[in-house]
Full PDB file with SEQRES, HELIX, SHEET, SSBOND, CRYST1, ORIGX, SCALE, CONECT and MASTER records, all heavy atoms in Angstrom:
SEQRES   1 A   35  GLY VAL GLY PRO ARG GLU ARG ARG VAL LEU GLU ILE LEU          
SEQRES   2 A   35  ASP ALA GLU GLN PRO ASP LEU ILE VAL VAL THR GLY ASP          
SEQRES   3 A   35  SER LEU ALA GLY TYR GLY GLY THR TYR                          
HELIX    1 AA1 PRO A    4  GLU A   16  1                                  13    
CRYST1    1.000    1.000    1.000  90.00  90.00  90.00 P 1           1          
ORIGX1      1.000000  0.000000  0.000000        0.00000                         
ORIGX2      0.000000  1.000000  0.000000        0.00000                         
ORIGX3      0.000000  0.000000  1.000000        0.00000                         
SCALE1      1.000000  0.000000  0.000000        0.00000                         
SCALE2      0.000000  1.000000  0.000000        0.00000                         
SCALE3      0.000000  0.000000  1.000000        0.00000                         
ATOM      1  N   GLY A   1     -11.173  14.907   2.233  1.00  0.00           N  
ATOM      2  CA  GLY A   1     -10.305  14.658   3.371  1.00  0.00           C  
ATOM      3  C   GLY A   1     -10.539  13.245   3.882  1.00  0.00           C  
ATOM      4  O   GLY A   1     -11.170  12.421   3.226  1.00  0.00           O  
ATOM      5  N   VAL A   2     -10.030  12.966   5.061  1.00  0.00           N  
ATOM      6  CA  VAL A   2     -10.122  11.613   5.615  1.00  0.00           C  
ATOM      7  C   VAL A   2     -11.384  11.508   6.464  1.00  0.00           C  
ATOM      8  O   VAL A   2     -11.403  11.836   7.644  1.00  0.00           O  
ATOM      9  CB  VAL A   2      -8.866  11.252   6.437  1.00  0.00           C  
ATOM     10  CG1 VAL A   2      -8.974   9.822   6.955  1.00  0.00           C  
ATOM     11  CG2 VAL A   2      -7.614  11.404   5.579  1.00  0.00           C  
ATOM     12  N   GLY A   3     -12.469  11.058   5.813  1.00  0.00           N  
ATOM     13  CA  GLY A   3     -13.735  10.839   6.492  1.00  0.00           C  
ATOM     14  C   GLY A   3     -14.007   9.353   6.648  1.00  0.00           C  
ATOM     15  O   GLY A   3     -13.112   8.519   6.473  1.00  0.00           O  
ATOM     16  N   PRO A   4     -15.246   8.970   6.978  1.00  0.00           N  
ATOM     17  CA  PRO A   4     -15.579   7.550   7.186  1.00  0.00           C  
ATOM     18  C   PRO A   4     -15.278   6.674   5.980  1.00  0.00           C  
ATOM     19  O   PRO A   4     -14.790   5.553   6.122  1.00  0.00           O  
ATOM     20  CB  PRO A   4     -17.085   7.586   7.473  1.00  0.00           C  
ATOM     21  CG  PRO A   4     -17.355   8.963   7.966  1.00  0.00           C  
ATOM     22  CD  PRO A   4     -16.395   9.859   7.250  1.00  0.00           C  
ATOM     23  N   ARG A   5     -15.558   7.162   4.785  1.00  0.00           N  
ATOM     24  CA  ARG A   5     -15.312   6.368   3.581  1.00  0.00           C  
ATOM     25  C   ARG A   5     -13.811   6.148   3.383  1.00  0.00           C  
ATOM     26  O   ARG A   5     -13.363   5.032   3.105  1.00  0.00           O  
ATOM     27  CB  ARG A   5     -15.925   7.066   2.382  1.00  0.00           C  
ATOM     28  CG  ARG A   5     -15.864   6.268   1.101  1.00  0.00           C  
ATOM     29  CD  ARG A   5     -16.785   6.835   0.035  1.00  0.00           C  
ATOM     30  NE  ARG A   5     -16.726   8.279  -0.058  1.00  0.00           N  
ATOM     31  CZ  ARG A   5     -17.762   9.097   0.179  1.00  0.00           C  
ATOM     32  NH1 ARG A   5     -18.931   8.610   0.528  1.00  0.00           N  
ATOM     33  NH2 ARG A   5     -17.634  10.400   0.069  1.00  0.00           N  
ATOM     34  N   GLU A   6     -13.042   7.208   3.548  1.00  0.00           N  
ATOM     35  CA  GLU A   6     -11.591   7.093   3.370  1.00  0.00           C  
ATOM     36  C   GLU A   6     -10.975   6.206   4.450  1.00  0.00           C  
ATOM     37  O   GLU A   6     -10.039   5.443   4.167  1.00  0.00           O  
ATOM     38  CB  GLU A   6     -10.950   8.483   3.396  1.00  0.00           C  
ATOM     39  CG  GLU A   6     -11.249   9.336   2.169  1.00  0.00           C  
ATOM     40  CD  GLU A   6     -12.629   9.987   2.197  1.00  0.00           C  
ATOM     41  OE1 GLU A   6     -13.295   9.925   3.264  1.00  0.00           O  
ATOM     42  OE2 GLU A   6     -13.043  10.556   1.172  1.00  0.00           O  
ATOM     43  N   ARG A   7     -11.489   6.295   5.674  1.00  0.00           N  
ATOM     44  CA  ARG A   7     -10.950   5.438   6.740  1.00  0.00           C  
ATOM     45  C   ARG A   7     -11.195   3.969   6.426  1.00  0.00           C  
ATOM     46  O   ARG A   7     -10.359   3.108   6.709  1.00  0.00           O  
ATOM     47  CB  ARG A   7     -11.562   5.823   8.086  1.00  0.00           C  
ATOM     48  CG  ARG A   7     -10.995   7.121   8.652  1.00  0.00           C  
ATOM     49  CD  ARG A   7     -11.345   7.294  10.115  1.00  0.00           C  
ATOM     50  NE  ARG A   7     -12.763   7.564  10.304  1.00  0.00           N  
ATOM     51  CZ  ARG A   7     -13.295   8.787  10.306  1.00  0.00           C  
ATOM     52  NH1 ARG A   7     -12.523   9.836  10.101  1.00  0.00           N  
ATOM     53  NH2 ARG A   7     -14.589   8.965  10.502  1.00  0.00           N  
ATOM     54  N   ARG A   8     -12.349   3.659   5.825  1.00  0.00           N  
ATOM     55  CA  ARG A   8     -12.626   2.269   5.445  1.00  0.00           C  
ATOM     56  C   ARG A   8     -11.658   1.807   4.352  1.00  0.00           C  
ATOM     57  O   ARG A   8     -11.172   0.675   4.391  1.00  0.00           O  
ATOM     58  CB  ARG A   8     -14.080   2.156   4.957  1.00  0.00           C  
ATOM     59  CG  ARG A   8     -14.450   0.787   4.426  1.00  0.00           C  
ATOM     60  CD  ARG A   8     -14.252  -0.306   5.451  1.00  0.00           C  
ATOM     61  NE  ARG A   8     -14.491  -1.622   4.869  1.00  0.00           N  
ATOM     62  CZ  ARG A   8     -13.857  -2.721   5.228  1.00  0.00           C  
ATOM     63  NH1 ARG A   8     -12.911  -2.676   6.173  1.00  0.00           N  
ATOM     64  NH2 ARG A   8     -14.139  -3.871   4.651  1.00  0.00           N  
ATOM     65  N   VAL A   9     -11.345   2.684   3.408  1.00  0.00           N  
ATOM     66  CA  VAL A   9     -10.359   2.350   2.374  1.00  0.00           C  
ATOM     67  C   VAL A   9      -9.008   2.043   3.016  1.00  0.00           C  
ATOM     68  O   VAL A   9      -8.345   1.050   2.664  1.00  0.00           O  
ATOM     69  CB  VAL A   9     -10.220   3.503   1.359  1.00  0.00           C  
ATOM     70  CG1 VAL A   9      -9.044   3.253   0.408  1.00  0.00           C  
ATOM     71  CG2 VAL A   9     -11.508   3.678   0.573  1.00  0.00           C  
ATOM     72  N   LEU A  10      -8.603   2.862   3.960  1.00  0.00           N  
ATOM     73  CA  LEU A  10      -7.316   2.654   4.628  1.00  0.00           C  
ATOM     74  C   LEU A  10      -7.315   1.346   5.421  1.00  0.00           C  
ATOM     75  O   LEU A  10      -6.280   0.654   5.481  1.00  0.00           O  
ATOM     76  CB  LEU A  10      -7.009   3.835   5.547  1.00  0.00           C  
ATOM     77  CG  LEU A  10      -6.771   5.175   4.829  1.00  0.00           C  
ATOM     78  CD1 LEU A  10      -6.652   6.307   5.847  1.00  0.00           C  
ATOM     79  CD2 LEU A  10      -5.526   5.109   3.950  1.00  0.00           C  
ATOM     80  N   GLU A  11      -8.442   0.990   6.016  1.00  0.00           N  
ATOM     81  CA  GLU A  11      -8.542  -0.298   6.718  1.00  0.00           C  
ATOM     82  C   GLU A  11      -8.322  -1.462   5.761  1.00  0.00           C  
ATOM     83  O   GLU A  11      -7.623  -2.427   6.086  1.00  0.00           O  
ATOM     84  CB  GLU A  11      -9.910  -0.427   7.390  1.00  0.00           C  
ATOM     85  CG  GLU A  11     -10.107   0.454   8.598  1.00  0.00           C  
ATOM     86  CD  GLU A  11     -11.530   0.382   9.131  1.00  0.00           C  
ATOM     87  OE1 GLU A  11     -12.340  -0.383   8.559  1.00  0.00           O  
ATOM     88  OE2 GLU A  11     -11.832   1.085  10.114  1.00  0.00           O  
ATOM     89  N   ILE A  12      -8.922  -1.377   4.588  1.00  0.00           N  
ATOM     90  CA  ILE A  12      -8.760  -2.437   3.582  1.00  0.00           C  
ATOM     91  C   ILE A  12      -7.302  -2.532   3.157  1.00  0.00           C  
ATOM     92  O   ILE A  12      -6.726  -3.635   3.091  1.00  0.00           O  
ATOM     93  CB  ILE A  12      -9.669  -2.178   2.368  1.00  0.00           C  
ATOM     94  CG1 ILE A  12     -11.140  -2.346   2.768  1.00  0.00           C  
ATOM     95  CG2 ILE A  12      -9.319  -3.115   1.214  1.00  0.00           C  
ATOM     96  CD1 ILE A  12     -12.121  -1.927   1.686  1.00  0.00           C  
ATOM     97  N   LEU A  13      -6.676  -1.394   2.880  1.00  0.00           N  
ATOM     98  CA  LEU A  13      -5.286  -1.408   2.445  1.00  0.00           C  
ATOM     99  C   LEU A  13      -4.372  -1.929   3.544  1.00  0.00           C  
ATOM    100  O   LEU A  13      -3.406  -2.664   3.273  1.00  0.00           O  
ATOM    101  CB  LEU A  13      -4.855  -0.004   2.032  1.00  0.00           C  
ATOM    102  CG  LEU A  13      -5.569   0.577   0.804  1.00  0.00           C  
ATOM    103  CD1 LEU A  13      -5.134   2.019   0.576  1.00  0.00           C  
ATOM    104  CD2 LEU A  13      -5.305  -0.261  -0.436  1.00  0.00           C  
ATOM    105  N   ASP A  14      -4.662  -1.585   4.776  1.00  0.00           N  
ATOM    106  CA  ASP A  14      -3.856  -2.064   5.899  1.00  0.00           C  
ATOM    107  C   ASP A  14      -3.966  -3.581   6.038  1.00  0.00           C  
ATOM    108  O   ASP A  14      -2.979  -4.264   6.338  1.00  0.00           O  
ATOM    109  CB  ASP A  14      -4.306  -1.375   7.190  1.00  0.00           C  
ATOM    110  CG  ASP A  14      -3.398  -1.720   8.358  1.00  0.00           C  
ATOM    111  OD1 ASP A  14      -2.180  -1.486   8.246  1.00  0.00           O  
ATOM    112  OD2 ASP A  14      -3.908  -2.233   9.374  1.00  0.00           O  
ATOM    113  N   ALA A  15      -5.156  -4.112   5.782  1.00  0.00           N  
ATOM    114  CA  ALA A  15      -5.354  -5.562   5.880  1.00  0.00           C  
ATOM    115  C   ALA A  15      -4.714  -6.293   4.702  1.00  0.00           C  
ATOM    116  O   ALA A  15      -4.170  -7.390   4.860  1.00  0.00           O  
ATOM    117  CB  ALA A  15      -6.841  -5.877   5.943  1.00  0.00           C  
ATOM    118  N   GLU A  16      -4.757  -5.694   3.504  1.00  0.00           N  
ATOM    119  CA  GLU A  16      -4.283  -6.370   2.294  1.00  0.00           C  
ATOM    120  C   GLU A  16      -2.781  -6.232   2.078  1.00  0.00           C  
ATOM    121  O   GLU A  16      -2.159  -7.084   1.445  1.00  0.00           O  
ATOM    122  CB  GLU A  16      -5.025  -5.840   1.068  1.00  0.00           C  
ATOM    123  CG  GLU A  16      -6.504  -6.143   1.053  1.00  0.00           C  
ATOM    124  CD  GLU A  16      -6.772  -7.631   1.058  1.00  0.00           C  
ATOM    125  OE1 GLU A  16      -5.946  -8.405   0.514  1.00  0.00           O  
ATOM    126  OE2 GLU A  16      -7.804  -8.025   1.615  1.00  0.00           O  
ATOM    127  N   GLN A  17      -2.186  -5.142   2.565  1.00  0.00           N  
ATOM    128  CA  GLN A  17      -0.754  -4.906   2.390  1.00  0.00           C  
ATOM    129  C   GLN A  17      -0.319  -5.083   0.929  1.00  0.00           C  
ATOM    130  O   GLN A  17       0.512  -5.943   0.607  1.00  0.00           O  
ATOM    131  CB  GLN A  17       0.047  -5.837   3.301  1.00  0.00           C  
ATOM    132  CG  GLN A  17      -0.124  -5.577   4.784  1.00  0.00           C  
ATOM    133  CD  GLN A  17       0.452  -4.232   5.205  1.00  0.00           C  
ATOM    134  OE1 GLN A  17       1.644  -3.971   5.014  1.00  0.00           O  
ATOM    135  NE2 GLN A  17      -0.369  -3.372   5.775  1.00  0.00           N  
ATOM    136  N   PRO A  18      -0.855  -4.299   0.007  1.00  0.00           N  
ATOM    137  CA  PRO A  18      -0.482  -4.458  -1.401  1.00  0.00           C  
ATOM    138  C   PRO A  18       0.965  -4.062  -1.654  1.00  0.00           C  
ATOM    139  O   PRO A  18       1.551  -3.255  -0.930  1.00  0.00           O  
ATOM    140  CB  PRO A  18      -1.448  -3.507  -2.118  1.00  0.00           C  
ATOM    141  CG  PRO A  18      -1.758  -2.458  -1.093  1.00  0.00           C  
ATOM    142  CD  PRO A  18      -1.791  -3.177   0.220  1.00  0.00           C  
ATOM    143  N   ASP A  19       1.536  -4.633  -2.724  1.00  0.00           N  
ATOM    144  CA  ASP A  19       2.889  -4.257  -3.135  1.00  0.00           C  
ATOM    145  C   ASP A  19       2.895  -2.899  -3.821  1.00  0.00           C  
ATOM    146  O   ASP A  19       3.898  -2.192  -3.803  1.00  0.00           O  
ATOM    147  CB  ASP A  19       3.449  -5.300  -4.108  1.00  0.00           C  
ATOM    148  CG  ASP A  19       3.493  -6.689  -3.508  1.00  0.00           C  
ATOM    149  OD1 ASP A  19       4.016  -6.833  -2.389  1.00  0.00           O  
ATOM    150  OD2 ASP A  19       2.979  -7.629  -4.149  1.00  0.00           O  
ATOM    151  N   LEU A  20       1.774  -2.568  -4.448  1.00  0.00           N  
ATOM    152  CA  LEU A  20       1.689  -1.375  -5.285  1.00  0.00           C  
ATOM    153  C   LEU A  20       0.284  -0.791  -5.174  1.00  0.00           C  
ATOM    154  O   LEU A  20      -0.702  -1.532  -5.184  1.00  0.00           O  
ATOM    155  CB  LEU A  20       1.975  -1.774  -6.743  1.00  0.00           C  
ATOM    156  CG  LEU A  20       1.717  -0.763  -7.866  1.00  0.00           C  
ATOM    157  CD1 LEU A  20       2.740   0.367  -7.804  1.00  0.00           C  
ATOM    158  CD2 LEU A  20       1.773  -1.462  -9.227  1.00  0.00           C  
ATOM    159  N   ILE A  21       0.185   0.531  -5.050  1.00  0.00           N  
ATOM    160  CA  ILE A  21      -1.109   1.215  -5.037  1.00  0.00           C  
ATOM    161  C   ILE A  21      -1.163   2.153  -6.236  1.00  0.00           C  
ATOM    162  O   ILE A  21      -0.236   2.952  -6.456  1.00  0.00           O  
ATOM    163  CB  ILE A  21      -1.320   2.021  -3.738  1.00  0.00           C  
ATOM    164  CG1 ILE A  21      -1.331   1.096  -2.518  1.00  0.00           C  
ATOM    165  CG2 ILE A  21      -2.633   2.819  -3.806  1.00  0.00           C  
ATOM    166  CD1 ILE A  21      -1.391   1.829  -1.183  1.00  0.00           C  
ATOM    167  N   VAL A  22      -2.237   2.048  -7.018  1.00  0.00           N  
ATOM    168  CA  VAL A  22      -2.429   2.967  -8.151  1.00  0.00           C  
ATOM    169  C   VAL A  22      -3.757   3.692  -7.961  1.00  0.00           C  
ATOM    170  O   VAL A  22      -4.736   3.124  -7.493  1.00  0.00           O  
ATOM    171  CB  VAL A  22      -2.389   2.220  -9.499  1.00  0.00           C  
ATOM    172  CG1 VAL A  22      -1.041   1.549  -9.681  1.00  0.00           C  
ATOM    173  CG2 VAL A  22      -3.503   1.205  -9.627  1.00  0.00           C  
ATOM    174  N   VAL A  23      -3.776   4.960  -8.334  1.00  0.00           N  
ATOM    175  CA  VAL A  23      -4.975   5.795  -8.253  1.00  0.00           C  
ATOM    176  C   VAL A  23      -5.276   6.290  -9.658  1.00  0.00           C  
ATOM    177  O   VAL A  23      -4.514   7.092 -10.219  1.00  0.00           O  
ATOM    178  CB  VAL A  23      -4.777   6.985  -7.295  1.00  0.00           C  
ATOM    179  CG1 VAL A  23      -6.081   7.765  -7.139  1.00  0.00           C  
ATOM    180  CG2 VAL A  23      -4.273   6.507  -5.928  1.00  0.00           C  
ATOM    181  N   THR A  24      -6.393   5.823 -10.229  1.00  0.00           N  
ATOM    182  CA  THR A  24      -6.680   6.144 -11.634  1.00  0.00           C  
ATOM    183  C   THR A  24      -7.603   7.360 -11.771  1.00  0.00           C  
ATOM    184  O   THR A  24      -8.655   7.309 -12.401  1.00  0.00           O  
ATOM    185  CB  THR A  24      -7.264   4.918 -12.352  1.00  0.00           C  
ATOM    186  OG1 THR A  24      -8.307   4.342 -11.566  1.00  0.00           O  
ATOM    187  CG2 THR A  24      -6.201   3.873 -12.603  1.00  0.00           C  
ATOM    188  N   GLY A  25      -7.178   8.471 -11.163  1.00  0.00           N  
ATOM    189  CA  GLY A  25      -7.791   9.763 -11.432  1.00  0.00           C  
ATOM    190  C   GLY A  25      -8.985  10.146 -10.591  1.00  0.00           C  
ATOM    191  O   GLY A  25      -9.577   9.346  -9.888  1.00  0.00           O  
ATOM    192  N   ASP A  26      -9.309  11.431 -10.672  1.00  0.00           N  
ATOM    193  CA  ASP A  26     -10.457  12.057 -10.007  1.00  0.00           C  
ATOM    194  C   ASP A  26     -10.415  11.920  -8.485  1.00  0.00           C  
ATOM    195  O   ASP A  26     -11.350  11.442  -7.852  1.00  0.00           O  
ATOM    196  CB  ASP A  26     -11.775  11.496 -10.548  1.00  0.00           C  
ATOM    197  CG  ASP A  26     -12.250  12.241 -11.783  1.00  0.00           C  
ATOM    198  OD1 ASP A  26     -11.465  13.034 -12.332  1.00  0.00           O  
ATOM    199  OD2 ASP A  26     -13.396  12.016 -12.204  1.00  0.00           O  
ATOM    200  N   SER A  27      -9.337  12.412  -7.910  1.00  0.00           N  
ATOM    201  CA  SER A  27      -9.285  12.497  -6.449  1.00  0.00           C  
ATOM    202  C   SER A  27     -10.006  13.734  -5.939  1.00  0.00           C  
ATOM    203  O   SER A  27     -10.530  13.746  -4.823  1.00  0.00           O  
ATOM    204  CB  SER A  27      -7.831  12.514  -5.966  1.00  0.00           C  
ATOM    205  OG  SER A  27      -7.218  11.273  -6.207  1.00  0.00           O  
ATOM    206  N   LEU A  28     -10.025  14.801  -6.740  1.00  0.00           N  
ATOM    207  CA  LEU A  28     -10.703  16.031  -6.334  1.00  0.00           C  
ATOM    208  C   LEU A  28     -12.204  15.813  -6.173  1.00  0.00           C  
ATOM    209  O   LEU A  28     -12.824  15.051  -6.919  1.00  0.00           O  
ATOM    210  CB  LEU A  28     -10.475  17.123  -7.373  1.00  0.00           C  
ATOM    211  CG  LEU A  28      -9.137  17.854  -7.322  1.00  0.00           C  
ATOM    212  CD1 LEU A  28      -8.988  18.751  -8.532  1.00  0.00           C  
ATOM    213  CD2 LEU A  28      -9.009  18.677  -6.047  1.00  0.00           C  
ATOM    214  N   ALA A  29     -12.775  16.517  -5.217  1.00  0.00           N  
ATOM    215  CA  ALA A  29     -14.210  16.367  -4.911  1.00  0.00           C  
ATOM    216  C   ALA A  29     -15.046  17.373  -5.677  1.00  0.00           C  
ATOM    217  O   ALA A  29     -15.821  18.131  -5.105  1.00  0.00           O  
ATOM    218  CB  ALA A  29     -14.447  16.515  -3.415  1.00  0.00           C  
ATOM    219  N   GLY A  30     -14.891  17.420  -6.983  1.00  0.00           N  
ATOM    220  CA  GLY A  30     -15.734  18.305  -7.772  1.00  0.00           C  
ATOM    221  C   GLY A  30     -15.412  19.769  -7.510  1.00  0.00           C  
ATOM    222  O   GLY A  30     -14.384  20.128  -6.945  1.00  0.00           O  
ATOM    223  N   TYR A  31     -16.315  20.647  -7.918  1.00  0.00           N  
ATOM    224  CA  TYR A  31     -16.108  22.080  -7.722  1.00  0.00           C  
ATOM    225  C   TYR A  31     -16.106  22.393  -6.227  1.00  0.00           C  
ATOM    226  O   TYR A  31     -16.980  21.989  -5.482  1.00  0.00           O  
ATOM    227  CB  TYR A  31     -17.188  22.871  -8.440  1.00  0.00           C  
ATOM    228  CG  TYR A  31     -17.131  22.700  -9.939  1.00  0.00           C  
ATOM    229  CD1 TYR A  31     -18.118  21.982 -10.611  1.00  0.00           C  
ATOM    230  CD2 TYR A  31     -16.069  23.229 -10.669  1.00  0.00           C  
ATOM    231  CE1 TYR A  31     -18.050  21.807 -11.982  1.00  0.00           C  
ATOM    232  CE2 TYR A  31     -15.992  23.053 -12.043  1.00  0.00           C  
ATOM    233  CZ  TYR A  31     -16.990  22.343 -12.696  1.00  0.00           C  
ATOM    234  OH  TYR A  31     -16.916  22.160 -14.043  1.00  0.00           O  
ATOM    235  N   GLY A  32     -15.082  23.107  -5.819  1.00  0.00           N  
ATOM    236  CA  GLY A  32     -14.929  23.413  -4.404  1.00  0.00           C  
ATOM    237  C   GLY A  32     -14.003  22.463  -3.690  1.00  0.00           C  
ATOM    238  O   GLY A  32     -13.541  22.758  -2.584  1.00  0.00           O  
ATOM    239  N   GLY A  33     -13.712  21.309  -4.297  1.00  0.00           N  
ATOM    240  CA  GLY A  33     -12.750  20.390  -3.707  1.00  0.00           C  
ATOM    241  C   GLY A  33     -11.340  20.959  -3.823  1.00  0.00           C  
ATOM    242  O   GLY A  33     -11.029  21.719  -4.742  1.00  0.00           O  
ATOM    243  N   THR A  34     -10.476  20.599  -2.879  1.00  0.00           N  
ATOM    244  CA  THR A  34      -9.124  21.168  -2.865  1.00  0.00           C  
ATOM    245  C   THR A  34      -8.072  20.070  -2.916  1.00  0.00           C  
ATOM    246  O   THR A  34      -8.300  18.935  -2.488  1.00  0.00           O  
ATOM    247  CB  THR A  34      -8.894  22.006  -1.598  1.00  0.00           C  
ATOM    248  OG1 THR A  34      -8.854  21.132  -0.449  1.00  0.00           O  
ATOM    249  CG2 THR A  34     -10.004  23.032  -1.412  1.00  0.00           C  
ATOM    250  N   TYR A  35      -6.915  20.434  -3.418  1.00  0.00           N  
ATOM    251  CA  TYR A  35      -5.799  19.502  -3.447  1.00  0.00           C  
ATOM    252  C   TYR A  35      -5.299  19.199  -2.039  1.00  0.00           C  
ATOM    253  O   TYR A  35      -4.770  18.119  -1.785  1.00  0.00           O  
ATOM    254  CB  TYR A  35      -4.675  20.055  -4.317  1.00  0.00           C  
ATOM    255  CG  TYR A  35      -4.923  19.840  -5.795  1.00  0.00           C  
ATOM    256  CD1 TYR A  35      -5.553  20.814  -6.564  1.00  0.00           C  
ATOM    257  CD2 TYR A  35      -4.540  18.661  -6.415  1.00  0.00           C  
ATOM    258  CE1 TYR A  35      -5.787  20.618  -7.918  1.00  0.00           C  
ATOM    259  CE2 TYR A  35      -4.772  18.447  -7.770  1.00  0.00           C  
ATOM    260  CZ  TYR A  35      -5.402  19.436  -8.508  1.00  0.00           C  
ATOM    261  OH  TYR A  35      -5.639  19.221  -9.857  1.00  0.00           O  
TER     262      TYR A  35                                                      
MASTER        0    0    0    1    0    0    0    6  261    1    0    3          
END                                                                             
């Protein structure tokens, strides 16, 4: 979910304003992680 680490990522993206965002896999948090 959106915790301290994810909030820092969002801060970086907000500052950089990229044209394109790509996510190269493994968003799930291992066993027990949910979509």
